[in-house]
N, C-alpha and C. Protein backbone atom coordinates (compact mmCIF):
# COMPACT_ATOMS: atom_id res chain seq x y z
N UNK A 1 89.15 80.00 97.86
CA UNK A 1 88.79 81.17 98.63
C UNK A 1 89.95 81.63 99.51
N UNK A 2 90.65 80.71 100.12
CA UNK A 2 91.78 81.07 100.97
C UNK A 2 93.11 80.82 100.28
N UNK A 3 93.11 80.90 98.96
CA UNK A 3 94.34 80.65 98.21
C UNK A 3 95.43 81.65 98.59
N UNK A 4 95.07 82.90 98.81
CA UNK A 4 96.05 83.91 99.19
C UNK A 4 96.69 83.56 100.53
N UNK A 5 95.90 83.00 101.43
CA UNK A 5 96.42 82.62 102.75
C UNK A 5 97.44 81.49 102.62
N UNK A 6 97.13 80.50 101.81
CA UNK A 6 98.05 79.38 101.64
C UNK A 6 99.33 79.81 100.94
N UNK A 7 99.22 80.70 99.97
CA UNK A 7 100.41 81.21 99.30
C UNK A 7 101.27 82.02 100.27
N UNK A 8 100.63 82.86 101.09
CA UNK A 8 101.38 83.66 102.07
C UNK A 8 102.03 82.76 103.11
N UNK A 9 101.32 81.75 103.57
CA UNK A 9 101.88 80.81 104.54
C UNK A 9 103.07 80.07 103.95
N UNK A 10 102.94 79.59 102.71
CA UNK A 10 104.03 78.87 102.07
C UNK A 10 105.24 79.77 101.86
N UNK A 11 105.00 81.03 101.48
CA UNK A 11 106.09 81.98 101.31
C UNK A 11 106.79 82.23 102.64
N UNK A 12 106.01 82.44 103.69
CA UNK A 12 106.55 82.72 105.02
C UNK A 12 107.39 81.55 105.52
N UNK A 13 106.90 80.35 105.37
CA UNK A 13 107.62 79.18 105.87
C UNK A 13 108.83 78.80 105.01
N UNK A 14 108.88 79.29 103.77
CA UNK A 14 110.00 78.96 102.90
C UNK A 14 111.15 79.96 103.00
N UNK A 15 111.01 80.97 103.84
CA UNK A 15 112.06 81.97 104.00
C UNK A 15 113.29 81.37 104.68
N UNK A 16 114.48 81.91 104.36
CA UNK A 16 115.67 81.49 105.10
C UNK A 16 115.52 81.84 106.59
N UNK A 17 116.26 81.17 107.41
CA UNK A 17 116.11 81.28 108.87
C UNK A 17 116.16 82.73 109.35
N UNK A 18 117.12 83.53 108.90
CA UNK A 18 117.26 84.90 109.36
C UNK A 18 116.07 85.75 108.92
N UNK A 19 115.62 85.61 107.69
CA UNK A 19 114.46 86.35 107.23
C UNK A 19 113.20 85.94 107.99
N UNK A 20 113.05 84.66 108.23
CA UNK A 20 111.91 84.14 108.98
C UNK A 20 111.86 84.76 110.37
N UNK A 21 113.00 84.79 111.05
CA UNK A 21 113.07 85.37 112.40
C UNK A 21 112.80 86.88 112.36
N UNK A 22 113.34 87.57 111.36
CA UNK A 22 113.14 89.01 111.26
C UNK A 22 111.67 89.35 111.01
N UNK A 23 111.02 88.59 110.16
CA UNK A 23 109.60 88.82 109.89
C UNK A 23 108.77 88.53 111.14
N UNK A 24 109.11 87.48 111.85
CA UNK A 24 108.37 87.13 113.06
C UNK A 24 108.54 88.20 114.13
N UNK A 25 109.76 88.67 114.34
CA UNK A 25 110.00 89.72 115.34
C UNK A 25 109.31 91.01 114.92
N UNK A 26 109.37 91.36 113.65
CA UNK A 26 108.70 92.57 113.18
C UNK A 26 107.20 92.52 113.37
N UNK A 27 106.60 91.37 113.07
CA UNK A 27 105.16 91.23 113.27
C UNK A 27 104.79 91.29 114.75
N UNK A 28 105.61 90.68 115.60
CA UNK A 28 105.34 90.72 117.04
C UNK A 28 105.46 92.14 117.59
N UNK A 29 106.46 92.89 117.14
CA UNK A 29 106.60 94.28 117.58
C UNK A 29 105.46 95.15 117.07
N UNK A 30 105.04 94.93 115.84
CA UNK A 30 103.93 95.69 115.29
C UNK A 30 102.65 95.45 116.09
N UNK A 31 102.38 94.20 116.40
CA UNK A 31 101.20 93.87 117.20
C UNK A 31 101.34 94.45 118.61
N UNK A 32 102.53 94.33 119.18
CA UNK A 32 102.75 94.82 120.54
C UNK A 32 102.64 96.33 120.67
N UNK A 33 103.09 97.05 119.67
CA UNK A 33 103.08 98.51 119.75
C UNK A 33 101.80 99.15 119.22
N UNK A 34 101.09 98.49 118.33
CA UNK A 34 99.90 99.12 117.75
C UNK A 34 98.59 98.46 118.17
N UNK A 35 98.55 97.15 118.21
CA UNK A 35 97.30 96.46 118.48
C UNK A 35 97.02 96.33 119.98
N UNK A 36 98.04 95.96 120.75
CA UNK A 36 97.82 95.73 122.18
C UNK A 36 97.34 96.97 122.94
N UNK A 37 97.90 98.18 122.71
CA UNK A 37 97.33 99.34 123.40
C UNK A 37 95.86 99.58 123.07
N UNK A 38 95.47 99.28 121.83
CA UNK A 38 94.06 99.44 121.46
C UNK A 38 93.19 98.43 122.21
N UNK A 39 93.66 97.20 122.33
CA UNK A 39 92.91 96.19 123.08
C UNK A 39 92.85 96.52 124.56
N UNK A 40 93.94 97.05 125.10
CA UNK A 40 93.95 97.47 126.50
C UNK A 40 92.97 98.61 126.71
N UNK A 41 92.92 99.55 125.78
CA UNK A 41 91.97 100.66 125.89
C UNK A 41 90.53 100.16 125.86
N UNK A 42 90.23 99.26 124.97
CA UNK A 42 88.87 98.73 124.85
C UNK A 42 88.48 97.97 126.11
N UNK A 43 89.39 97.12 126.60
CA UNK A 43 89.09 96.36 127.82
C UNK A 43 88.93 97.28 129.02
N UNK A 44 89.77 98.29 129.12
CA UNK A 44 89.65 99.24 130.22
C UNK A 44 88.39 100.07 130.13
N UNK A 45 87.98 100.43 128.93
CA UNK A 45 86.75 101.21 128.77
C UNK A 45 85.52 100.39 129.14
N UNK A 46 85.55 99.10 128.85
CA UNK A 46 84.40 98.25 129.16
C UNK A 46 84.31 97.90 130.64
N UNK A 47 85.44 97.69 131.28
CA UNK A 47 85.41 97.25 132.67
C UNK A 47 85.57 98.38 133.67
N UNK A 48 86.35 99.39 133.34
CA UNK A 48 86.59 100.49 134.26
C UNK A 48 85.88 101.72 133.73
N UNK A 49 86.62 102.76 133.50
CA UNK A 49 86.07 103.97 132.91
C UNK A 49 86.90 104.30 131.67
N UNK A 50 86.46 105.30 130.93
CA UNK A 50 87.24 105.75 129.78
C UNK A 50 88.57 106.31 130.25
N UNK A 51 89.56 106.18 129.39
CA UNK A 51 90.86 106.76 129.69
C UNK A 51 90.70 108.27 129.70
N UNK A 52 91.41 108.94 130.57
CA UNK A 52 91.18 110.36 130.82
C UNK A 52 91.23 111.23 129.57
N UNK A 53 92.21 111.02 128.71
CA UNK A 53 92.34 111.87 127.54
C UNK A 53 91.76 111.27 126.28
N UNK A 54 91.29 110.05 126.35
CA UNK A 54 90.75 109.39 125.17
C UNK A 54 91.72 108.39 124.58
N UNK A 55 91.33 107.86 123.43
CA UNK A 55 92.07 106.78 122.79
C UNK A 55 93.48 107.19 122.39
N UNK A 56 93.63 108.32 121.71
CA UNK A 56 94.95 108.73 121.24
C UNK A 56 95.83 109.24 122.36
N UNK A 57 95.23 109.69 123.44
CA UNK A 57 96.01 110.07 124.60
C UNK A 57 96.69 108.85 125.24
N UNK A 58 96.02 107.71 125.18
CA UNK A 58 96.62 106.47 125.67
C UNK A 58 97.86 106.13 124.85
N UNK A 59 97.76 106.23 123.53
CA UNK A 59 98.92 105.97 122.67
C UNK A 59 100.05 106.95 122.97
N UNK A 60 99.72 108.21 123.14
CA UNK A 60 100.75 109.21 123.45
C UNK A 60 101.45 108.88 124.76
N UNK A 61 100.69 108.60 125.79
CA UNK A 61 101.28 108.26 127.08
C UNK A 61 102.08 106.97 127.02
N UNK A 62 101.60 106.01 126.24
CA UNK A 62 102.30 104.73 126.09
C UNK A 62 103.67 104.93 125.45
N UNK A 63 103.73 105.63 124.33
CA UNK A 63 105.00 105.83 123.64
C UNK A 63 105.91 106.78 124.40
N UNK A 64 105.34 107.76 125.09
CA UNK A 64 106.14 108.65 125.91
C UNK A 64 106.80 107.86 127.03
N UNK A 65 106.07 106.94 127.62
CA UNK A 65 106.63 106.11 128.68
C UNK A 65 107.71 105.16 128.21
N UNK A 66 107.64 104.74 126.95
CA UNK A 66 108.68 103.85 126.43
C UNK A 66 110.00 104.57 126.21
N UNK A 67 109.94 105.84 125.87
CA UNK A 67 111.16 106.59 125.58
C UNK A 67 111.71 107.34 126.78
N UNK A 68 110.92 107.46 127.83
CA UNK A 68 111.41 108.03 129.08
C UNK A 68 111.72 106.84 129.99
N UNK A 69 112.90 106.82 130.61
CA UNK A 69 113.29 105.61 131.35
C UNK A 69 112.51 105.42 132.66
N UNK A 70 111.27 104.98 132.54
CA UNK A 70 110.47 104.62 133.70
C UNK A 70 110.29 103.11 133.69
N UNK A 71 110.69 102.46 134.75
CA UNK A 71 110.60 101.01 134.83
C UNK A 71 109.15 100.54 134.80
N UNK A 72 108.24 101.36 135.29
CA UNK A 72 106.82 100.99 135.32
C UNK A 72 106.27 100.71 133.93
N UNK A 73 106.65 101.52 132.96
CA UNK A 73 106.15 101.33 131.61
C UNK A 73 106.69 100.07 130.96
N UNK A 74 107.89 99.68 131.35
CA UNK A 74 108.49 98.50 130.75
C UNK A 74 108.01 97.22 131.39
N UNK A 75 107.50 97.28 132.60
CA UNK A 75 106.94 96.08 133.23
C UNK A 75 105.57 95.84 132.71
């Protein structure tokens, strides 16, 4: 049932050091840029109030803040 998982794990762990690091960094950046803002939005909606512009407005403000040099967004 989880044969695909074991094959993917074995492939991932058998990569050369540079490829292994590149895949790991890429996956971490993907999760950080796409998944974490969604989780932050969900947690904020449950505990506080909805974000003013909605879900996609949060993504817009997040990426706008990353490309405009504001230290607040990077902290």
